[in-house]
Amino acid sequence: MTQLQIGPHAVQPPVVLAPMAGITNAPFRTLCREFSGGKGLFVSEMITTRALVERNEKTMQLIHFDETEKPRSIQLYGVDPDTVGKAVHMIAEEGLADHIDLNFGCPVPKVTRKGGGSALPYKRHLLRSILREAVSNAGELPVTMKMRKGIDDDHITYLDAGRIAVEEGVTAIALHGRTAAQHYGGTADWEAIARLKEAVPEIPVLGNGDIWSADDALRMVRETGCDGVVVGRGCLGRPWLFGDLVAAFEGTGTYAKPTLKEVAAVMLRHATLLGEWLGDEARGVIDFRKHVAWYTKGFSIGSELRKKLAIASSLDELDALMSELDLDQPWPAGADGPRGRTSGRNRVVLPDGWLDDPYDRAGVTADAELDTSGG
């Protein structure tokens, strides 16, 4: 493969960690980056533009990068062009990141009901205004975007959105091959990724959806002609997947098949890093709880012990519980398959009148940029 270029940043192999709320914080990015040998691009959690502009305390913590992270990549969510422009200007002016990604792919109701995420590209003029403000305020920073195919099968937007992005100076586009209505259910449409690549030959296109292994990533590139891949749920509880991806694209090694002992060591390091990042060991272990099921998927662990692991409240307790495991267990057959959310939704929550006209801005409410949760 040729090298993926995101503005001035060379990404080789062409592998990107997808932003995931509550997951892709600095500790998890550190783990993924360590396994990849520092190769690839690792994007922050989604950051709300209003919260960033107002310097919300939680938001400012979420945009913290380890000194070894280069390039530093922030994903922004916003629906108001002026606020998005201010947030991008703040990042560029204060040197808070080296790359900005815009979220037009999130399907969760709290985002789409305000016209954000995967709902927004339906409003073509609004999309263009947001992209124009972002690019014009970014200075030398490259601006990319991540999107879905559309709202549902009757409201497909990705080809129009792709052309608008090119016209407004966006550096690259990532496409998740699902509609918002599909959420994370069904099968990702890789053919749509191929069609987008044909429609916007001027800039790189990255594919996203159903990459559960390094071989899936190679197959996506081969079948769609995309310039790189974005990996999300496939790395949950498997940060070493990024080492596999490097090996696959460079053809230099075999894939990781860690024993439970090796997995337990990564789990303890992950929880430790979270505690250091949050400034409180107990908070770090509590935040780590959601990762337990992903890390231990497929391994033979009694239900009672599994439950105790998921409610541990200190590093010593977590370590002691893991010492009770049969740590010699090999990597389970089938554990490389789907993980994380796999459910679909039949209805996308949208602002009133959102689908009436794809070119007006009706339905964008004044509180759409008031979420200061940090993303």
Protein backbone atom coordinates (compact mmCIF):
# COMPACT_ATOMS: atom_id res chain seq x y z
CA MET A 1 0.00 0.00 0.00
CA THR A 2 0.99 3.58 -0.51
CA GLN A 3 1.34 5.67 2.61
CA LEU A 4 -1.81 7.32 3.98
CA GLN A 5 -1.32 11.07 4.17
CA ILE A 6 -3.50 13.17 6.50
CA GLY A 7 -2.31 16.68 5.73
CA PRO A 8 1.36 16.76 6.77
CA HIS A 9 1.03 13.55 8.79
CA ALA A 10 2.10 10.24 7.29
CA VAL A 11 0.08 7.34 8.72
CA GLN A 12 1.76 4.02 8.00
CA PRO A 13 0.34 1.49 8.20
CA PRO A 14 -2.95 3.21 7.28
CA VAL A 15 -4.76 2.30 10.50
CA VAL A 16 -6.85 4.64 12.68
CA LEU A 17 -8.38 4.04 16.12
CA ALA A 18 -12.02 5.10 15.98
CA PRO A 19 -13.20 7.56 18.64
CA MET A 20 -15.39 5.76 21.18
CA ALA A 21 -17.06 7.56 24.09
CA GLY A 22 -15.72 6.42 27.44
CA ILE A 23 -13.16 4.17 25.74
CA THR A 24 -10.55 6.01 23.68
CA ASN A 25 -9.20 8.16 26.48
CA ALA A 26 -5.47 8.70 26.97
CA PRO A 27 -4.84 5.40 28.85
CA PHE A 28 -6.47 3.21 26.19
CA ARG A 29 -4.73 5.11 23.39
CA THR A 30 -1.44 4.52 25.20
CA LEU A 31 -2.02 0.77 25.26
CA CYS A 32 -2.99 0.62 21.58
CA ARG A 33 -0.02 2.76 20.60
CA GLU A 34 2.39 0.60 22.61
CA PHE A 35 1.23 -2.56 20.87
CA SER A 36 1.53 -0.89 17.45
CA GLY A 37 5.02 0.37 18.14
CA GLY A 38 3.76 3.94 17.77
CA LYS A 39 2.45 3.33 14.25
CA GLY A 40 -1.04 4.46 13.21
CA LEU A 41 -3.35 7.31 14.23
CA PHE A 42 -5.23 7.28 17.54
CA VAL A 43 -8.19 9.64 17.92
CA SER A 44 -9.61 11.06 21.16
CA GLU A 45 -13.12 10.58 22.43
CA MET A 46 -15.78 12.77 20.82
CA ILE A 47 -15.57 16.30 22.24
CA THR A 48 -18.55 18.66 22.30
CA THR A 49 -17.58 21.97 20.70
CA ARG A 50 -19.58 24.16 23.09
CA ALA A 51 -18.01 22.43 26.09
CA LEU A 52 -14.55 22.95 24.62
CA VAL A 53 -15.13 26.64 23.91
CA GLU A 54 -16.40 27.11 27.47
CA ARG A 55 -13.40 25.15 28.80
CA ASN A 56 -15.53 22.65 30.68
CA GLU A 57 -13.29 20.91 33.23
CA LYS A 58 -14.16 17.37 32.13
CA THR A 59 -13.68 18.29 28.50
CA MET A 60 -10.25 19.77 29.12
CA GLN A 61 -9.23 16.51 30.74
CA LEU A 62 -10.51 14.52 27.78
CA ILE A 63 -8.26 16.44 25.39
CA HIS A 64 -5.16 15.67 27.45
CA PHE A 65 -2.53 13.88 25.39
CA ASP A 66 0.49 11.95 26.57
CA GLU A 67 3.73 13.62 25.51
CA THR A 68 4.52 10.61 23.32
CA GLU A 69 1.32 10.98 21.26
CA LYS A 70 2.15 12.29 17.81
CA PRO A 71 0.14 13.35 15.96
CA ARG A 72 -2.43 14.41 18.56
CA SER A 73 -5.90 13.88 17.16
CA ILE A 74 -9.18 15.35 18.47
CA GLN A 75 -12.68 14.50 17.27
CA LEU A 76 -15.28 17.26 17.58
CA TYR A 77 -19.07 17.11 17.64
CA GLY A 78 -21.11 20.22 16.92
CA VAL A 79 -24.12 21.43 14.95
CA ASP A 80 -23.63 25.19 15.03
CA PRO A 81 -21.13 26.47 12.43
CA ASP A 82 -20.01 29.44 14.55
CA THR A 83 -19.34 27.30 17.62
CA VAL A 84 -17.53 24.66 15.58
CA GLY A 85 -15.41 27.43 14.05
CA LYS A 86 -14.56 28.82 17.49
CA ALA A 87 -13.61 25.38 18.80
CA VAL A 88 -11.37 24.67 15.82
CA HIS A 89 -9.77 28.11 16.10
CA MET A 90 -9.09 27.48 19.80
CA ILE A 91 -7.39 24.16 19.03
CA ALA A 92 -5.27 25.68 16.27
CA GLU A 93 -4.43 28.90 18.13
CA GLU A 94 -3.45 27.16 21.38
CA GLY A 95 -1.74 24.17 19.79
CA LEU A 96 -4.07 21.69 21.49
CA ALA A 97 -3.87 19.09 18.70
CA ASP A 98 -2.27 18.30 15.35
CA HIS A 99 -5.37 16.97 13.58
CA ILE A 100 -9.10 17.60 13.87
CA ASP A 101 -11.79 15.07 12.95
CA LEU A 102 -15.47 16.05 12.75
CA ASN A 103 -18.13 13.59 13.89
CA PHE A 104 -21.04 13.04 11.52
CA GLY A 105 -21.42 9.36 12.33
CA CYS A 106 -22.66 9.02 15.90
CA PRO A 107 -26.12 7.32 15.90
CA VAL A 108 -27.08 7.60 19.58
CA PRO A 109 -30.37 9.39 20.32
CA LYS A 110 -28.92 12.12 22.58
CA VAL A 111 -26.87 13.28 19.59
CA THR A 112 -29.26 12.75 16.65
CA ARG A 113 -32.24 14.27 18.46
CA LYS A 114 -30.37 17.59 18.32
CA GLY A 115 -29.51 17.21 14.65
CA GLY A 116 -25.94 16.10 15.30
CA GLY A 117 -23.85 13.07 14.40
CA SER A 118 -25.28 10.87 11.67
CA ALA A 119 -28.39 13.06 11.35
CA LEU A 120 -26.54 16.18 10.24
CA PRO A 121 -25.32 15.33 6.69
CA TYR A 122 -28.97 15.20 5.58
CA LYS A 123 -28.96 19.01 5.86
CA ARG A 124 -26.57 19.72 2.98
CA HIS A 125 -26.24 23.47 3.47
CA LEU A 126 -25.69 23.11 7.21
CA LEU A 127 -23.03 20.47 6.60
CA ARG A 128 -21.28 22.75 4.13
CA SER A 129 -21.36 25.69 6.56
CA ILE A 130 -19.86 23.61 9.38
CA LEU A 131 -17.10 22.22 7.16
CA ARG A 132 -16.32 25.69 5.80
CA GLU A 133 -16.02 27.18 9.30
CA ALA A 134 -13.87 24.29 10.48
CA VAL A 135 -11.45 24.36 7.56
CA SER A 136 -11.17 28.15 7.49
CA ASN A 137 -10.33 28.27 11.20
CA ALA A 138 -7.94 25.32 11.26
CA GLY A 139 -4.89 27.12 9.90
CA GLU A 140 -2.32 24.47 9.00
CA LEU A 141 -4.18 21.68 10.81
CA PRO A 142 -5.79 19.03 8.60
CA VAL A 143 -9.55 18.58 9.04
CA THR A 144 -11.15 15.20 8.36
CA MET A 145 -14.66 13.84 8.88
CA LYS A 146 -16.29 10.54 9.82
CA MET A 147 -19.80 9.73 8.69
CA ARG A 148 -22.32 6.97 8.03
CA LYS A 149 -24.18 6.07 4.83
CA GLY A 150 -27.17 8.12 5.91
CA ILE A 151 -30.10 8.21 8.30
CA ASP A 152 -31.81 5.12 6.90
CA ASP A 153 -32.20 3.36 3.56
CA ASP A 154 -34.63 6.06 2.38
CA HIS A 155 -32.30 8.92 3.33
CA ILE A 156 -28.82 8.07 2.06
CA THR A 157 -26.41 11.00 2.25
CA TYR A 158 -22.81 9.81 2.01
CA LEU A 159 -22.15 10.55 -1.67
CA ASP A 160 -23.49 14.11 -1.46
CA ALA A 161 -21.63 14.64 1.80
CA GLY A 162 -18.42 13.33 0.26
CA ARG A 163 -18.55 15.81 -2.61
CA ILE A 164 -19.34 18.70 -0.24
CA ALA A 165 -16.36 17.70 1.89
CA VAL A 166 -14.01 17.76 -1.08
CA GLU A 167 -15.31 21.16 -2.20
CA GLU A 168 -14.79 22.61 1.30
CA GLY A 169 -11.22 21.41 1.72
CA VAL A 170 -11.61 18.39 3.99
CA THR A 171 -8.43 16.31 3.94
CA ALA A 172 -9.89 12.78 4.24
CA ILE A 173 -13.20 10.99 4.88
CA ALA A 174 -13.96 7.90 6.94
CA LEU A 175 -17.18 6.02 6.13
CA HIS A 176 -18.90 3.58 8.46
CA GLY A 177 -20.82 1.30 6.12
CA ARG A 178 -24.07 1.45 8.09
CA THR A 179 -26.98 3.87 8.36
CA ALA A 180 -27.92 5.49 11.65
CA ALA A 181 -31.01 3.26 11.76
CA GLN A 182 -28.80 0.17 11.68
CA HIS A 183 -26.90 1.47 14.70
CA TYR A 184 -24.39 -1.39 15.17
CA GLY A 185 -26.61 -4.18 13.90
CA GLY A 186 -26.53 -6.19 10.71
CA THR A 187 -23.56 -6.22 8.37
CA ALA A 188 -21.55 -3.20 7.28
CA ASP A 189 -21.92 -2.31 3.60
CA TRP A 190 -18.39 -2.35 2.26
CA GLU A 191 -19.65 -1.69 -1.26
CA ALA A 192 -20.65 1.80 -0.12
CA ILE A 193 -17.03 2.42 0.87
CA ALA A 194 -15.95 1.43 -2.64
CA ARG A 195 -18.54 3.76 -4.17
CA LEU A 196 -17.39 6.66 -2.02
CA LYS A 197 -13.79 6.05 -3.04
CA GLU A 198 -14.86 6.28 -6.69
CA ALA A 199 -16.87 9.45 -6.01
CA VAL A 200 -14.09 11.39 -4.23
CA PRO A 201 -10.80 10.33 -5.84
CA GLU A 202 -9.20 13.63 -4.80
CA ILE A 203 -8.79 12.70 -1.12
CA PRO A 204 -8.20 9.55 0.95
CA VAL A 205 -11.20 7.44 1.96
CA LEU A 206 -11.02 5.23 5.03
CA GLY A 207 -13.34 2.31 5.63
CA ASN A 208 -15.01 1.44 8.93
CA GLY A 209 -17.31 -1.36 10.02
CA ASP A 210 -16.91 -5.07 10.86
CA ILE A 211 -13.13 -5.11 11.15
CA TRP A 212 -12.73 -7.78 13.81
CA SER A 213 -9.26 -8.97 12.83
CA ALA A 214 -6.19 -7.80 10.93
CA ASP A 215 -7.22 -10.04 8.04
CA ASP A 216 -10.57 -8.22 7.88
CA ALA A 217 -8.67 -4.95 7.45
CA LEU A 218 -6.62 -6.32 4.57
CA ARG A 219 -9.77 -7.71 2.95
CA MET A 220 -11.57 -4.36 3.26
CA VAL A 221 -8.73 -2.54 1.51
CA ARG A 222 -8.54 -5.20 -1.18
CA GLU A 223 -12.29 -5.30 -1.84
CA THR A 224 -13.07 -1.57 -1.63
CA GLY A 225 -9.88 0.15 -2.75
CA CYS A 226 -10.03 2.38 0.34
CA ASP A 227 -6.87 4.13 1.48
CA GLY A 228 -6.96 2.90 5.07
CA VAL A 229 -9.13 1.48 7.82
CA VAL A 230 -10.76 2.79 11.00
CA VAL A 231 -11.05 0.23 13.79
CA GLY A 232 -13.57 0.59 16.60
CA ARG A 233 -15.34 -2.22 18.44
CA GLY A 234 -12.86 -4.84 17.19
CA CYS A 235 -10.20 -3.58 19.61
CA LEU A 236 -12.39 -3.58 22.73
CA GLY A 237 -10.50 -5.68 25.23
CA ARG A 238 -7.86 -6.27 22.54
CA PRO A 239 -5.47 -3.31 22.27
CA TRP A 240 -2.91 -5.73 20.81
CA LEU A 241 -5.04 -5.79 17.65
CA PHE A 242 -3.03 -2.76 16.55
CA GLY A 243 0.12 -4.86 16.68
CA ASP A 244 -1.66 -7.42 14.49
CA LEU A 245 -2.63 -4.66 12.05
CA VAL A 246 0.97 -3.48 11.76
CA ALA A 247 2.10 -7.06 11.14
CA ALA A 248 -0.63 -7.56 8.52
CA PHE A 249 0.02 -4.41 6.53
CA GLU A 250 3.80 -4.73 6.74
CA GLY A 251 3.82 -8.50 6.31
CA THR A 252 6.38 -8.85 9.07
CA GLY A 253 5.01 -11.19 11.70
CA THR A 254 2.32 -13.33 13.24
CA TYR A 255 -0.77 -12.25 15.14
CA ALA A 256 -1.02 -12.09 18.92
CA LYS A 257 -2.75 -14.99 20.66
CA PRO A 258 -2.20 -14.07 24.31
CA THR A 259 -2.73 -16.49 27.16
CA LEU A 260 -5.04 -15.46 29.99
CA LYS A 261 -1.92 -14.64 32.03
CA GLU A 262 -0.81 -12.15 29.38
CA VAL A 263 -4.32 -10.71 29.09
CA ALA A 264 -4.48 -10.29 32.89
CA ALA A 265 -1.24 -8.31 32.83
CA VAL A 266 -2.69 -5.94 30.21
CA MET A 267 -5.88 -5.59 32.25
CA LEU A 268 -3.94 -4.58 35.35
CA ARG A 269 -1.86 -2.09 33.38
CA HIS A 270 -5.02 -0.61 31.81
CA ALA A 271 -6.63 -0.12 35.23
CA THR A 272 -3.40 1.38 36.59
CA LEU A 273 -3.15 3.86 33.72
CA LEU A 274 -6.77 4.91 34.24
CA GLY A 275 -6.11 5.58 37.92
CA GLU A 276 -3.04 7.69 37.11
CA TRP A 277 -4.98 9.63 34.47
CA LEU A 278 -7.95 10.28 36.77
CA GLY A 279 -5.71 11.00 39.75
CA ASP A 280 -7.50 8.38 41.86
CA GLU A 281 -6.84 4.64 41.92
CA ALA A 282 -10.39 3.69 42.95
CA ARG A 283 -11.94 5.81 40.19
CA GLY A 284 -9.57 4.22 37.70
CA VAL A 285 -10.55 0.69 38.71
CA ILE A 286 -14.24 1.60 38.65
CA ASP A 287 -13.86 3.08 35.16
CA PHE A 288 -12.04 -0.09 34.10
CA ARG A 289 -14.99 -2.34 35.08
CA LYS A 290 -16.68 -1.94 31.71
CA HIS A 291 -13.63 -3.45 30.00
CA VAL A 292 -13.61 -6.70 32.02
CA ALA A 293 -16.11 -8.60 29.86
CA TRP A 294 -14.29 -7.62 26.67
CA TYR A 295 -10.87 -8.68 27.92
CA THR A 296 -12.13 -12.01 29.28
CA LYS A 297 -14.43 -12.93 26.40
CA GLY A 298 -14.21 -16.64 25.58
CA PHE A 299 -12.01 -17.60 28.53
CA SER A 300 -13.26 -20.17 31.04
CA ILE A 301 -14.06 -18.09 34.12
CA GLY A 302 -16.73 -18.98 36.64
CA SER A 303 -19.71 -16.66 36.77
CA GLU A 304 -19.06 -15.76 40.41
CA LEU A 305 -15.43 -14.82 39.78
CA ARG A 306 -16.35 -12.93 36.63
CA LYS A 307 -18.89 -10.94 38.65
CA LYS A 308 -16.28 -10.11 41.31
CA LEU A 309 -13.84 -8.90 38.66
CA ALA A 310 -16.51 -6.57 37.32
CA ILE A 311 -17.08 -4.93 40.71
CA ALA A 312 -13.48 -4.68 41.94
CA SER A 313 -12.68 -1.34 43.56
CA SER A 314 -8.89 -1.38 43.99
CA LEU A 315 -5.82 -2.54 42.08
CA ASP A 316 -4.92 -4.97 44.88
CA GLU A 317 -8.39 -6.50 44.75
CA LEU A 318 -8.27 -6.75 40.96
CA ASP A 319 -4.81 -8.35 41.10
CA ALA A 320 -5.85 -10.82 43.80
CA LEU A 321 -8.95 -11.87 41.87
CA MET A 322 -6.98 -12.41 38.68
CA SER A 323 -4.54 -14.64 40.58
CA GLU A 324 -7.48 -17.00 41.14
CA LEU A 325 -7.91 -17.49 37.38
CA ASP A 326 -6.56 -20.42 35.40
CA LEU A 327 -3.93 -18.18 33.85
CA ASP A 328 -2.46 -20.89 31.60
CA GLN A 329 -5.52 -20.84 29.34
CA PRO A 330 -4.63 -20.21 25.67
CA TRP A 331 -6.39 -17.60 23.56
CA PRO A 332 -9.96 -18.93 23.04
CA ALA A 333 -11.16 -20.06 19.64
CA GLY A 334 -13.65 -17.53 18.26
CA ALA A 335 -12.58 -14.71 20.58
CA ASP A 336 -11.42 -12.67 17.58
CA GLY A 337 -15.00 -12.25 16.38
CA PRO A 338 -17.58 -9.48 16.97
CA ARG A 339 -17.60 -7.71 20.32
CA GLY A 340 -19.24 -4.65 21.76
CA ARG A 341 -22.70 -3.48 20.77
CA THR A 342 -24.33 -5.42 17.94
CA SER A 343 -27.94 -4.25 18.23
CA GLY A 344 -29.83 -2.29 15.62
CA ARG A 345 -32.53 0.36 15.89
CA ASN A 346 -35.56 0.76 13.69
CA ARG A 347 -36.10 4.47 14.29
CA VAL A 348 -33.67 7.35 14.47
CA VAL A 349 -34.55 10.10 16.93
CA LEU A 350 -34.51 13.41 15.02
CA PRO A 351 -35.58 17.02 15.61
CA ASP A 352 -39.15 17.81 14.57
CA GLY A 353 -39.37 18.43 10.82
CA TRP A 354 -35.78 17.35 10.20
CA LEU A 355 -36.61 15.32 7.10
CA ASP A 356 -38.95 17.90 5.53
CA ASP A 357 -36.26 19.60 3.46
CA PRO A 358 -32.65 18.44 3.04
CA TYR A 359 -31.48 21.98 2.29
CA ASP A 360 -33.01 24.14 5.01
CA ARG A 361 -31.84 24.37 8.62
CA ALA A 362 -35.19 23.81 10.29
CA GLY A 363 -35.03 21.72 13.42
CA VAL A 364 -31.64 22.85 14.74
CA THR A 365 -32.53 23.94 18.24
CA ALA A 366 -30.80 26.49 20.43
CA ASP A 367 -29.76 23.84 22.97
CA ALA A 368 -27.98 21.68 20.41
CA GLU A 369 -24.65 23.16 21.45
CA LEU A 370 -25.37 23.35 25.18
CA ASP A 371 -24.22 19.86 26.11
CA THR A 372 -21.22 20.34 28.38
CA SER A 373 -20.85 16.65 29.27
CA GLY A 374 -17.50 16.54 27.51
CA GLY A 375 -18.81 14.48 24.63
